[in-house]
């Protein structure tokens, strides 16, 4: 399976801090490197592409410097960027992952990929139990109701590439998890600080 990391957004919620969002350091690495490393460790992933834009030139230079494949997109519209990237990829299905998941691991990604049935599913969306965010003292960006319970969209998904490019509706399947690896996104300064604290605790335990 091929993987697409979205790293071309404006990162407006982070505020004017002089650092592109994917380049913030957590646990000694830029956030984007955390995601790249997690995907690189998976035997299920055979190609990784990162979409960048005029919003993230520093990120693009960094990735090229470490040999990661990039594609320039507009950075103005998420789905437009996805379509531009999907045209470059050639796999049947694409794992999409945001560039702001610093705690994501190869093991958790592999569990997610294994849950995807290529014969029965057209898409798989990772949902995180809202209670996981409450335990971490994090406010999720987007909540959706599922059978009377609140779940947050992590941003990790698998999509049928050709059907997406054709504009076809994809039948949605869901992967429900309580894992902090999917829960911790870095969109604001507060989330950045919290992610660093959590990463520090994990490092100390290790």
N, C-alpha and C. Protein backbone atom coordinates (compact mmCIF):
# COMPACT_ATOMS: atom_id res chain seq x y z
N UNK A 1 0.84 -1.20 0.00
CA UNK A 1 0.00 0.00 0.00
C UNK A 1 0.88 1.25 0.00
N UNK A 2 0.42 2.29 -0.66
CA UNK A 2 1.14 3.55 -0.67
C UNK A 2 0.56 4.50 0.38
N UNK A 3 1.38 5.44 0.84
CA UNK A 3 0.97 6.34 1.91
C UNK A 3 1.17 7.79 1.49
N UNK A 4 0.23 8.62 1.88
CA UNK A 4 0.30 10.06 1.63
C UNK A 4 0.24 10.80 2.96
N UNK A 5 1.25 11.63 3.22
CA UNK A 5 1.25 12.48 4.41
C UNK A 5 0.93 13.90 3.95
N UNK A 6 -0.08 14.50 4.54
CA UNK A 6 -0.49 15.85 4.16
C UNK A 6 0.24 16.87 5.01
N UNK A 7 1.11 17.66 4.38
CA UNK A 7 1.94 18.62 5.12
C UNK A 7 2.00 19.98 4.42
N UNK A 8 0.94 20.34 3.70
CA UNK A 8 0.97 21.59 2.96
C UNK A 8 0.04 22.66 3.45
N UNK A 9 -0.64 22.39 4.57
CA UNK A 9 -1.61 23.36 5.08
C UNK A 9 -0.96 24.60 5.67
N UNK A 10 -1.79 25.58 5.94
CA UNK A 10 -1.30 26.86 6.44
C UNK A 10 -0.98 26.82 7.93
N UNK A 11 -1.60 25.91 8.67
CA UNK A 11 -1.33 25.81 10.10
C UNK A 11 -1.72 27.06 10.86
N UNK A 12 -2.85 27.68 10.48
CA UNK A 12 -3.24 28.97 11.07
C UNK A 12 -3.55 28.87 12.56
N UNK A 13 -4.04 27.72 13.02
CA UNK A 13 -4.39 27.59 14.44
C UNK A 13 -3.17 27.58 15.35
N UNK A 14 -2.00 27.29 14.76
CA UNK A 14 -0.78 27.29 15.55
C UNK A 14 -0.33 28.71 15.88
N UNK A 15 -0.76 29.68 15.06
CA UNK A 15 -0.38 31.07 15.30
C UNK A 15 0.97 31.40 14.69
N UNK A 16 1.33 32.65 14.73
CA UNK A 16 2.59 33.12 14.14
C UNK A 16 3.73 32.85 15.12
N UNK A 17 4.42 31.72 14.91
CA UNK A 17 5.51 31.36 15.82
C UNK A 17 6.84 31.22 15.10
N UNK A 18 6.85 31.46 13.78
CA UNK A 18 8.09 31.42 13.02
C UNK A 18 8.57 30.04 12.64
N UNK A 19 7.78 29.01 12.96
CA UNK A 19 8.14 27.63 12.62
C UNK A 19 6.95 26.97 11.94
N UNK A 20 7.20 26.32 10.82
CA UNK A 20 6.13 25.60 10.14
C UNK A 20 5.65 24.45 11.04
N UNK A 21 4.34 24.21 11.03
CA UNK A 21 3.78 23.21 11.95
C UNK A 21 4.46 21.85 11.86
N UNK A 22 4.74 21.31 10.66
CA UNK A 22 5.37 19.98 10.62
C UNK A 22 6.79 19.94 11.16
N UNK A 23 7.39 21.12 11.36
CA UNK A 23 8.79 21.18 11.79
C UNK A 23 8.97 21.40 13.29
N UNK A 24 7.90 21.50 14.04
CA UNK A 24 8.03 21.63 15.50
C UNK A 24 8.66 20.35 16.06
N UNK A 25 9.54 20.52 17.02
CA UNK A 25 10.28 19.39 17.58
C UNK A 25 9.53 18.79 18.77
N UNK A 26 9.32 17.48 18.69
CA UNK A 26 8.71 16.72 19.78
C UNK A 26 9.52 15.43 19.96
N UNK A 27 9.99 15.20 21.15
CA UNK A 27 10.79 14.01 21.40
C UNK A 27 12.09 13.98 20.61
N UNK A 28 12.63 15.17 20.32
CA UNK A 28 13.92 15.24 19.62
C UNK A 28 13.83 15.18 18.11
N UNK A 29 12.62 15.10 17.55
CA UNK A 29 12.46 15.03 16.09
C UNK A 29 11.37 15.99 15.64
N UNK A 30 11.48 16.51 14.40
CA UNK A 30 10.35 17.25 13.85
C UNK A 30 9.12 16.34 13.79
N UNK A 31 7.96 16.91 13.97
CA UNK A 31 6.72 16.11 13.94
C UNK A 31 6.62 15.31 12.65
N UNK A 32 6.96 15.92 11.53
CA UNK A 32 6.85 15.23 10.24
C UNK A 32 7.75 14.00 10.20
N UNK A 33 8.91 14.07 10.87
CA UNK A 33 9.83 12.92 10.91
C UNK A 33 9.23 11.80 11.75
N UNK A 34 8.52 12.15 12.80
CA UNK A 34 7.84 11.13 13.61
C UNK A 34 6.89 10.31 12.75
N UNK A 35 6.13 11.00 11.91
CA UNK A 35 5.14 10.32 11.06
C UNK A 35 5.84 9.51 9.97
N UNK A 36 6.84 10.10 9.33
CA UNK A 36 7.60 9.40 8.29
C UNK A 36 8.23 8.13 8.85
N UNK A 37 8.83 8.23 10.03
CA UNK A 37 9.48 7.06 10.64
C UNK A 37 8.48 5.95 10.93
N UNK A 38 7.30 6.33 11.43
CA UNK A 38 6.28 5.32 11.74
C UNK A 38 5.83 4.59 10.48
N UNK A 39 5.64 5.32 9.41
CA UNK A 39 5.22 4.70 8.14
C UNK A 39 6.35 3.90 7.51
N UNK A 40 7.58 4.41 7.61
CA UNK A 40 8.73 3.72 7.02
C UNK A 40 8.97 2.36 7.67
N UNK A 41 8.58 2.24 8.93
CA UNK A 41 8.79 0.99 9.63
C UNK A 41 7.79 -0.10 9.30
N UNK A 42 6.75 0.24 8.55
CA UNK A 42 5.70 -0.73 8.24
C UNK A 42 6.02 -1.53 6.97
N UNK A 43 5.93 -2.83 7.08
CA UNK A 43 6.12 -3.68 5.90
C UNK A 43 4.92 -3.60 4.97
N UNK A 44 3.83 -3.01 5.44
CA UNK A 44 2.63 -2.86 4.61
C UNK A 44 2.70 -1.66 3.68
N UNK A 45 3.67 -0.77 3.91
CA UNK A 45 3.80 0.45 3.12
C UNK A 45 5.01 0.35 2.20
N UNK A 46 4.79 0.51 0.90
CA UNK A 46 5.91 0.39 -0.04
C UNK A 46 6.29 1.72 -0.70
N UNK A 47 5.54 2.77 -0.43
CA UNK A 47 5.90 4.08 -0.97
C UNK A 47 5.28 5.17 -0.10
N UNK A 48 6.08 6.17 0.22
CA UNK A 48 5.60 7.29 1.02
C UNK A 48 5.81 8.58 0.24
N UNK A 49 4.75 9.36 0.13
CA UNK A 49 4.82 10.67 -0.51
C UNK A 49 4.26 11.71 0.46
N UNK A 50 4.93 12.85 0.56
CA UNK A 50 4.45 13.93 1.41
C UNK A 50 4.04 15.11 0.54
N UNK A 51 2.80 15.56 0.70
CA UNK A 51 2.36 16.74 -0.05
C UNK A 51 2.77 17.99 0.72
N UNK A 52 3.46 18.89 0.02
CA UNK A 52 3.91 20.16 0.59
C UNK A 52 3.39 21.28 -0.30
N UNK A 53 3.62 22.52 0.10
CA UNK A 53 3.13 23.65 -0.68
C UNK A 53 3.97 24.88 -0.38
N UNK A 54 3.55 26.00 -0.93
CA UNK A 54 4.23 27.27 -0.64
C UNK A 54 4.13 27.63 0.83
N UNK A 55 3.19 26.99 1.54
CA UNK A 55 3.05 27.24 2.97
C UNK A 55 4.16 26.57 3.79
N UNK A 56 4.79 25.55 3.21
CA UNK A 56 5.75 24.74 3.99
C UNK A 56 7.07 24.51 3.26
N UNK A 57 7.75 25.57 2.83
CA UNK A 57 9.03 25.39 2.11
C UNK A 57 10.13 24.78 2.98
N UNK A 58 10.15 25.12 4.27
CA UNK A 58 11.17 24.56 5.16
C UNK A 58 10.97 23.05 5.31
N UNK A 59 9.71 22.66 5.41
CA UNK A 59 9.39 21.23 5.50
C UNK A 59 9.83 20.51 4.24
N UNK A 60 9.58 21.11 3.09
CA UNK A 60 9.96 20.51 1.81
C UNK A 60 11.48 20.33 1.74
N UNK A 61 12.24 21.36 2.12
CA UNK A 61 13.70 21.26 2.08
C UNK A 61 14.20 20.17 3.02
N UNK A 62 13.62 20.12 4.20
CA UNK A 62 14.02 19.10 5.17
C UNK A 62 13.78 17.70 4.63
N UNK A 63 12.59 17.46 4.09
CA UNK A 63 12.24 16.13 3.58
C UNK A 63 13.13 15.72 2.41
N UNK A 64 13.39 16.64 1.52
CA UNK A 64 14.28 16.33 0.39
C UNK A 64 15.67 16.01 0.90
N UNK A 65 16.08 16.69 1.97
CA UNK A 65 17.40 16.46 2.54
C UNK A 65 17.58 15.09 3.14
N UNK A 66 16.47 14.47 3.58
CA UNK A 66 16.56 13.12 4.16
C UNK A 66 16.02 12.06 3.19
N UNK A 67 15.80 12.47 1.95
CA UNK A 67 15.44 11.51 0.91
C UNK A 67 13.99 11.08 0.86
N UNK A 68 13.10 11.91 1.38
CA UNK A 68 11.67 11.59 1.36
C UNK A 68 11.02 12.22 0.12
N UNK A 69 10.22 11.46 -0.59
CA UNK A 69 9.56 11.95 -1.80
C UNK A 69 8.48 12.97 -1.46
N UNK A 70 8.47 14.09 -2.19
CA UNK A 70 7.47 15.13 -1.96
C UNK A 70 6.76 15.48 -3.26
N UNK A 71 5.59 16.10 -3.12
CA UNK A 71 4.86 16.64 -4.26
C UNK A 71 4.33 18.00 -3.85
N UNK A 72 4.44 18.97 -4.75
CA UNK A 72 3.94 20.31 -4.50
C UNK A 72 2.46 20.37 -4.85
N UNK A 73 1.65 20.84 -3.90
CA UNK A 73 0.24 21.06 -4.15
C UNK A 73 -0.08 22.52 -3.81
N UNK A 74 -1.33 22.92 -3.99
CA UNK A 74 -1.69 24.32 -3.79
C UNK A 74 -1.63 24.75 -2.33
N UNK A 75 -1.98 23.84 -1.42
CA UNK A 75 -2.03 24.18 -0.01
C UNK A 75 -3.21 25.06 0.36
N UNK A 76 -4.15 25.22 -0.56
CA UNK A 76 -5.30 26.08 -0.33
C UNK A 76 -6.56 25.30 0.04
N UNK A 77 -6.66 24.08 -0.45
CA UNK A 77 -7.86 23.28 -0.22
C UNK A 77 -7.45 21.83 -0.01
N UNK A 78 -7.91 21.24 1.09
CA UNK A 78 -7.46 19.90 1.46
C UNK A 78 -7.77 18.87 0.38
N UNK A 79 -9.03 18.80 -0.06
CA UNK A 79 -9.40 17.79 -1.05
C UNK A 79 -8.74 18.03 -2.40
N UNK A 80 -8.52 19.28 -2.73
CA UNK A 80 -7.80 19.58 -3.97
C UNK A 80 -6.37 19.06 -3.89
N UNK A 81 -5.75 19.23 -2.73
CA UNK A 81 -4.40 18.71 -2.52
C UNK A 81 -4.38 17.19 -2.59
N UNK A 82 -5.41 16.56 -2.02
CA UNK A 82 -5.51 15.10 -2.07
C UNK A 82 -5.59 14.62 -3.52
N UNK A 83 -6.42 15.26 -4.31
CA UNK A 83 -6.58 14.87 -5.71
C UNK A 83 -5.28 15.05 -6.47
N UNK A 84 -4.59 16.16 -6.25
CA UNK A 84 -3.30 16.38 -6.93
C UNK A 84 -2.31 15.29 -6.56
N UNK A 85 -2.30 14.91 -5.32
CA UNK A 85 -1.37 13.87 -4.85
C UNK A 85 -1.76 12.50 -5.38
N UNK A 86 -3.04 12.20 -5.39
CA UNK A 86 -3.51 10.89 -5.86
C UNK A 86 -3.17 10.68 -7.34
N UNK A 87 -3.07 11.76 -8.09
CA UNK A 87 -2.69 11.65 -9.50
C UNK A 87 -1.25 11.20 -9.66
N UNK A 88 -0.43 11.51 -8.68
CA UNK A 88 0.98 11.12 -8.72
C UNK A 88 1.15 9.66 -8.28
N UNK A 89 0.35 9.25 -7.31
CA UNK A 89 0.41 7.88 -6.82
C UNK A 89 -0.23 6.92 -7.82
N UNK A 90 0.06 5.63 -7.69
CA UNK A 90 -0.50 4.68 -8.65
C UNK A 90 -1.06 3.42 -7.99
N UNK A 91 -1.12 3.40 -6.67
CA UNK A 91 -1.68 2.24 -5.98
C UNK A 91 -3.20 2.22 -6.01
N UNK A 92 -3.77 1.06 -5.71
CA UNK A 92 -5.23 0.95 -5.69
C UNK A 92 -5.81 1.67 -4.48
N UNK A 93 -5.14 1.51 -3.33
CA UNK A 93 -5.58 2.16 -2.10
C UNK A 93 -4.43 2.98 -1.52
N UNK A 94 -4.80 4.08 -0.85
CA UNK A 94 -3.79 4.97 -0.27
C UNK A 94 -4.11 5.19 1.21
N UNK A 95 -3.09 5.01 2.04
CA UNK A 95 -3.20 5.36 3.45
C UNK A 95 -2.88 6.84 3.59
N UNK A 96 -3.80 7.61 4.12
CA UNK A 96 -3.57 9.03 4.33
C UNK A 96 -3.34 9.30 5.81
N UNK A 97 -2.34 10.14 6.08
CA UNK A 97 -2.00 10.45 7.46
C UNK A 97 -1.62 11.92 7.56
N UNK A 98 -2.15 12.64 8.52
CA UNK A 98 -1.74 14.04 8.69
C UNK A 98 -0.31 14.12 9.20
N UNK A 99 0.30 15.26 9.02
CA UNK A 99 1.70 15.43 9.42
C UNK A 99 1.83 15.84 10.88
N UNK A 100 0.73 15.87 11.60
CA UNK A 100 0.77 16.39 12.98
C UNK A 100 0.37 15.35 14.02
N UNK A 101 0.76 14.09 13.80
CA UNK A 101 0.48 13.01 14.74
C UNK A 101 1.81 12.52 15.33
N UNK A 102 2.39 13.23 16.27
CA UNK A 102 3.75 12.92 16.74
C UNK A 102 3.90 11.61 17.48
N UNK A 103 2.80 11.06 18.02
CA UNK A 103 2.90 9.83 18.80
C UNK A 103 2.57 8.58 17.99
N UNK A 104 2.22 8.74 16.73
CA UNK A 104 1.83 7.60 15.92
C UNK A 104 2.98 6.61 15.81
N UNK A 105 2.67 5.32 15.85
CA UNK A 105 3.69 4.28 15.81
C UNK A 105 3.42 3.30 14.68
N UNK A 106 4.48 2.59 14.30
CA UNK A 106 4.34 1.57 13.26
C UNK A 106 3.35 0.49 13.69
N UNK A 107 3.43 0.05 14.94
CA UNK A 107 2.54 -1.01 15.42
C UNK A 107 1.07 -0.62 15.30
N UNK A 108 0.74 0.60 15.71
CA UNK A 108 -0.66 1.03 15.65
C UNK A 108 -1.11 1.23 14.21
N UNK A 109 -0.23 1.72 13.36
CA UNK A 109 -0.57 1.87 11.95
C UNK A 109 -0.81 0.51 11.30
N UNK A 110 0.01 -0.47 11.66
CA UNK A 110 -0.15 -1.81 11.09
C UNK A 110 -1.47 -2.44 11.53
N UNK A 111 -1.88 -2.20 12.76
CA UNK A 111 -3.18 -2.70 13.22
C UNK A 111 -4.30 -2.09 12.39
N UNK A 112 -4.17 -0.81 12.12
CA UNK A 112 -5.17 -0.10 11.32
C UNK A 112 -5.21 -0.66 9.90
N UNK A 113 -4.04 -0.84 9.30
CA UNK A 113 -3.97 -1.34 7.92
C UNK A 113 -4.53 -2.76 7.84
N UNK A 114 -4.20 -3.58 8.83
CA UNK A 114 -4.68 -4.97 8.85
C UNK A 114 -6.21 -5.04 8.94
N UNK A 115 -6.81 -4.02 9.55
CA UNK A 115 -8.27 -3.99 9.69
C UNK A 115 -8.97 -3.66 8.37
N UNK A 116 -8.21 -3.21 7.39
CA UNK A 116 -8.81 -2.82 6.11
C UNK A 116 -8.93 -4.04 5.20
N UNK A 117 -10.14 -4.34 4.78
CA UNK A 117 -10.43 -5.47 3.89
C UNK A 117 -10.55 -4.94 2.46
N UNK A 118 -9.55 -5.21 1.65
CA UNK A 118 -9.52 -4.67 0.28
C UNK A 118 -10.64 -5.21 -0.59
N UNK A 119 -11.22 -6.34 -0.21
CA UNK A 119 -12.28 -6.94 -1.02
C UNK A 119 -13.66 -6.40 -0.66
N UNK A 120 -13.79 -5.87 0.56
CA UNK A 120 -15.11 -5.43 1.02
C UNK A 120 -15.21 -3.93 1.27
N UNK A 121 -14.08 -3.27 1.49
CA UNK A 121 -14.11 -1.86 1.88
C UNK A 121 -13.61 -0.93 0.79
N UNK A 122 -14.16 0.28 0.78
CA UNK A 122 -13.70 1.33 -0.13
C UNK A 122 -12.95 2.42 0.63
N UNK A 123 -13.23 2.52 1.92
CA UNK A 123 -12.50 3.46 2.77
C UNK A 123 -12.55 2.97 4.20
N UNK A 124 -11.56 3.40 4.98
CA UNK A 124 -11.53 3.09 6.41
C UNK A 124 -11.06 4.35 7.13
N UNK A 125 -11.83 4.77 8.12
CA UNK A 125 -11.56 6.01 8.84
C UNK A 125 -11.29 5.70 10.30
N UNK A 126 -10.18 6.20 10.82
CA UNK A 126 -9.83 5.97 12.22
C UNK A 126 -10.56 6.96 13.12
N UNK A 127 -11.35 6.43 14.04
CA UNK A 127 -12.07 7.25 15.01
C UNK A 127 -11.52 6.98 16.40
N UNK A 128 -11.36 8.04 17.18
CA UNK A 128 -10.83 7.91 18.53
C UNK A 128 -11.93 8.24 19.54
N UNK A 129 -12.09 7.37 20.52
CA UNK A 129 -13.07 7.58 21.59
C UNK A 129 -12.81 8.92 22.26
N UNK A 130 -13.86 9.72 22.40
CA UNK A 130 -13.71 11.04 23.03
C UNK A 130 -13.12 10.94 24.42
N UNK A 131 -13.38 9.83 25.11
CA UNK A 131 -12.86 9.66 26.46
C UNK A 131 -11.34 9.66 26.48
N UNK A 132 -10.71 9.22 25.40
CA UNK A 132 -9.25 9.23 25.32
C UNK A 132 -8.72 10.65 25.36
N UNK A 133 -9.45 11.57 24.74
CA UNK A 133 -9.04 12.97 24.75
C UNK A 133 -9.21 13.58 26.14
N UNK A 134 -10.29 13.19 26.79
CA UNK A 134 -10.54 13.71 28.14
C UNK A 134 -9.45 13.25 29.10
N UNK A 135 -8.99 12.01 28.94
CA UNK A 135 -7.93 11.49 29.80
C UNK A 135 -6.61 12.23 29.56
N UNK A 136 -6.41 12.69 28.32
CA UNK A 136 -5.18 13.40 27.97
C UNK A 136 -5.31 14.91 28.13
N UNK A 137 -6.51 15.36 28.52
CA UNK A 137 -6.78 16.79 28.67
C UNK A 137 -6.57 17.54 27.35
N UNK A 138 -7.09 16.94 26.28
CA UNK A 138 -7.01 17.52 24.95
C UNK A 138 -8.41 17.69 24.39
N UNK A 139 -8.65 18.78 23.70
CA UNK A 139 -9.94 19.01 23.07
C UNK A 139 -9.87 18.58 21.61
N UNK A 140 -10.66 17.58 21.20
CA UNK A 140 -10.62 17.12 19.80
C UNK A 140 -11.13 18.18 18.84
N UNK A 141 -10.59 18.15 17.62
CA UNK A 141 -10.96 19.16 16.62
C UNK A 141 -12.34 18.92 16.03
N UNK A 142 -12.67 17.66 15.82
CA UNK A 142 -13.93 17.36 15.14
C UNK A 142 -14.55 16.10 15.74
N UNK A 143 -15.78 16.22 16.21
CA UNK A 143 -16.50 15.10 16.84
C UNK A 143 -17.66 14.66 15.95
N UNK A 144 -17.84 13.36 15.85
CA UNK A 144 -19.01 12.85 15.14
C UNK A 144 -19.68 11.78 16.00
N UNK A 145 -20.98 11.74 15.91
CA UNK A 145 -21.76 10.78 16.68
C UNK A 145 -21.77 9.43 15.97
N UNK A 146 -21.59 8.39 16.74
CA UNK A 146 -21.66 7.03 16.18
C UNK A 146 -22.38 6.15 17.20
N UNK A 147 -23.61 5.79 16.85
CA UNK A 147 -24.44 4.96 17.73
C UNK A 147 -24.57 5.55 19.12
N UNK A 148 -24.74 6.87 19.19
CA UNK A 148 -24.97 7.53 20.46
C UNK A 148 -23.73 7.86 21.26
N UNK A 149 -22.55 7.57 20.73
CA UNK A 149 -21.30 7.89 21.41
C UNK A 149 -20.51 8.91 20.60
N UNK A 150 -19.68 9.68 21.28
CA UNK A 150 -18.87 10.71 20.61
C UNK A 150 -17.51 10.16 20.24
N UNK A 151 -17.13 10.36 18.98
CA UNK A 151 -15.85 9.91 18.47
C UNK A 151 -15.19 11.06 17.71
N UNK A 152 -13.88 11.12 17.79
CA UNK A 152 -13.13 12.16 17.08
C UNK A 152 -12.45 11.55 15.85
N UNK A 153 -12.43 12.31 14.77
CA UNK A 153 -11.74 11.87 13.55
C UNK A 153 -10.26 12.17 13.69
N UNK A 154 -9.43 11.14 13.59
CA UNK A 154 -7.99 11.31 13.81
C UNK A 154 -7.27 11.91 12.61
N UNK A 155 -7.84 11.73 11.43
CA UNK A 155 -7.17 12.17 10.21
C UNK A 155 -6.51 11.04 9.46
N UNK A 156 -6.41 9.86 10.10
CA UNK A 156 -5.83 8.69 9.44
C UNK A 156 -6.94 7.94 8.72
N UNK A 157 -6.70 7.61 7.46
CA UNK A 157 -7.73 6.90 6.69
C UNK A 157 -7.08 6.13 5.55
N UNK A 158 -7.84 5.24 4.97
CA UNK A 158 -7.45 4.53 3.75
C UNK A 158 -8.55 4.78 2.74
N UNK A 159 -8.16 5.14 1.51
CA UNK A 159 -9.15 5.49 0.50
C UNK A 159 -8.85 4.79 -0.82
N UNK A 160 -9.90 4.45 -1.54
CA UNK A 160 -9.79 3.93 -2.89
C UNK A 160 -9.33 5.08 -3.79
N UNK A 161 -8.15 4.98 -4.33
CA UNK A 161 -7.55 6.11 -5.06
C UNK A 161 -8.33 6.47 -6.33
N UNK A 162 -8.61 5.49 -7.16
CA UNK A 162 -9.27 5.78 -8.44
C UNK A 162 -10.69 6.30 -8.24
N UNK A 163 -11.42 5.71 -7.31
CA UNK A 163 -12.79 6.18 -7.08
C UNK A 163 -12.79 7.60 -6.52
N UNK A 164 -11.80 7.91 -5.70
CA UNK A 164 -11.69 9.27 -5.17
C UNK A 164 -11.43 10.26 -6.31
N UNK A 165 -10.53 9.90 -7.21
CA UNK A 165 -10.23 10.77 -8.35
C UNK A 165 -11.42 10.94 -9.28
N UNK A 166 -12.24 9.89 -9.36
CA UNK A 166 -13.43 9.95 -10.21
C UNK A 166 -14.57 10.73 -9.56
N UNK A 167 -14.42 11.08 -8.30
CA UNK A 167 -15.47 11.80 -7.58
C UNK A 167 -16.58 10.89 -7.09
N UNK A 168 -16.31 9.58 -7.05
CA UNK A 168 -17.32 8.63 -6.60
C UNK A 168 -17.48 8.70 -5.07
N UNK A 169 -18.68 8.43 -4.60
CA UNK A 169 -18.91 8.33 -3.15
C UNK A 169 -18.28 7.05 -2.66
N UNK A 170 -17.49 7.14 -1.59
CA UNK A 170 -16.86 5.96 -1.01
C UNK A 170 -17.67 5.48 0.19
N UNK A 171 -17.99 4.21 0.18
CA UNK A 171 -18.67 3.62 1.33
C UNK A 171 -17.70 3.67 2.51
N UNK A 172 -18.18 4.22 3.65
CA UNK A 172 -17.31 4.43 4.80
C UNK A 172 -17.35 3.25 5.78
N UNK A 173 -16.17 2.81 6.18
CA UNK A 173 -16.01 1.86 7.27
C UNK A 173 -15.20 2.56 8.35
N UNK A 174 -15.33 2.09 9.60
CA UNK A 174 -14.69 2.81 10.70
C UNK A 174 -13.84 1.89 11.56
N UNK A 175 -12.72 2.43 11.99
CA UNK A 175 -11.80 1.76 12.88
C UNK A 175 -11.84 2.52 14.20
N UNK A 176 -12.37 1.89 15.22
CA UNK A 176 -12.54 2.56 16.51
C UNK A 176 -11.38 2.23 17.44
N UNK A 177 -10.80 3.26 18.04
CA UNK A 177 -9.65 3.05 18.91
C UNK A 177 -9.69 4.00 20.10
N UNK A 178 -9.00 3.63 21.14
CA UNK A 178 -8.86 4.47 22.33
C UNK A 178 -7.40 4.95 22.46
N UNK A 179 -6.58 4.61 21.49
CA UNK A 179 -5.14 4.84 21.57
C UNK A 179 -4.76 6.31 21.48
N UNK A 180 -3.86 6.72 22.36
CA UNK A 180 -3.37 8.10 22.31
C UNK A 180 -2.56 8.36 21.06
N UNK A 181 -2.01 7.27 20.46
CA UNK A 181 -1.21 7.43 19.24
C UNK A 181 -2.01 8.07 18.12
N UNK A 182 -3.32 7.81 18.09
CA UNK A 182 -4.19 8.41 17.09
C UNK A 182 -4.83 9.70 17.60
N UNK A 183 -4.78 9.92 18.90
CA UNK A 183 -5.54 11.02 19.48
C UNK A 183 -4.80 12.35 19.50
N UNK A 184 -3.47 12.31 19.60
CA UNK A 184 -2.70 13.54 19.81
C UNK A 184 -2.33 14.19 18.49
N UNK A 185 -3.11 15.16 18.07
CA UNK A 185 -2.79 16.02 16.93
C UNK A 185 -2.17 17.31 17.46
N UNK A 186 -1.34 17.94 16.64
CA UNK A 186 -0.71 19.19 17.05
C UNK A 186 -1.18 20.31 16.12
N UNK A 187 -2.24 20.99 16.54
CA UNK A 187 -2.80 22.09 15.75
C UNK A 187 -2.62 23.45 16.42
N UNK A 188 -2.43 23.44 17.74
CA UNK A 188 -2.32 24.69 18.49
C UNK A 188 -1.10 24.63 19.40
N UNK A 189 -0.73 25.80 19.95
CA UNK A 189 0.40 25.84 20.88
C UNK A 189 0.12 24.98 22.12
N UNK A 190 -1.13 24.98 22.58
CA UNK A 190 -1.50 24.18 23.74
C UNK A 190 -1.32 22.69 23.45
N UNK A 191 -1.75 22.26 22.27
CA UNK A 191 -1.59 20.86 21.89
C UNK A 191 -0.12 20.50 21.71
N UNK A 192 0.68 21.43 21.22
CA UNK A 192 2.11 21.21 21.08
C UNK A 192 2.75 20.97 22.44
N UNK A 193 2.41 21.82 23.41
CA UNK A 193 2.95 21.67 24.76
C UNK A 193 2.52 20.34 25.38
N UNK A 194 1.26 19.98 25.18
CA UNK A 194 0.76 18.72 25.74
C UNK A 194 1.45 17.53 25.09
N UNK A 195 1.63 17.59 23.77
CA UNK A 195 2.30 16.49 23.06
C UNK A 195 3.73 16.32 23.55
N UNK A 196 4.40 17.42 23.82
CA UNK A 196 5.78 17.35 24.33
C UNK A 196 5.80 16.72 25.72
N UNK A 197 4.82 17.05 26.55
CA UNK A 197 4.76 16.47 27.89
C UNK A 197 4.53 14.95 27.82
N UNK A 198 3.60 14.55 26.94
CA UNK A 198 3.29 13.13 26.80
C UNK A 198 4.50 12.38 26.25
N UNK A 199 5.13 12.95 25.22
CA UNK A 199 6.32 12.32 24.63
C UNK A 199 7.43 12.20 25.66
N UNK A 200 7.55 13.20 26.53
CA UNK A 200 8.55 13.16 27.58
C UNK A 200 8.30 12.04 28.57
N UNK A 201 7.03 11.82 28.91
CA UNK A 201 6.67 10.74 29.83
C UNK A 201 6.96 9.39 29.20
N UNK A 202 6.66 9.25 27.91
CA UNK A 202 6.92 7.99 27.20
C UNK A 202 8.41 7.71 27.17
N UNK A 203 9.21 8.75 26.90
CA UNK A 203 10.66 8.60 26.85
C UNK A 203 11.24 8.19 28.20
N UNK A 204 10.69 8.77 29.26
CA UNK A 204 11.16 8.46 30.61
C UNK A 204 10.88 7.01 30.98
N UNK A 205 9.68 6.53 30.60
CA UNK A 205 9.31 5.14 30.88
C UNK A 205 10.18 4.17 30.10
N UNK A 206 10.54 4.58 28.85
CA UNK A 206 11.35 3.71 28.01
C UNK A 206 12.75 3.55 28.58
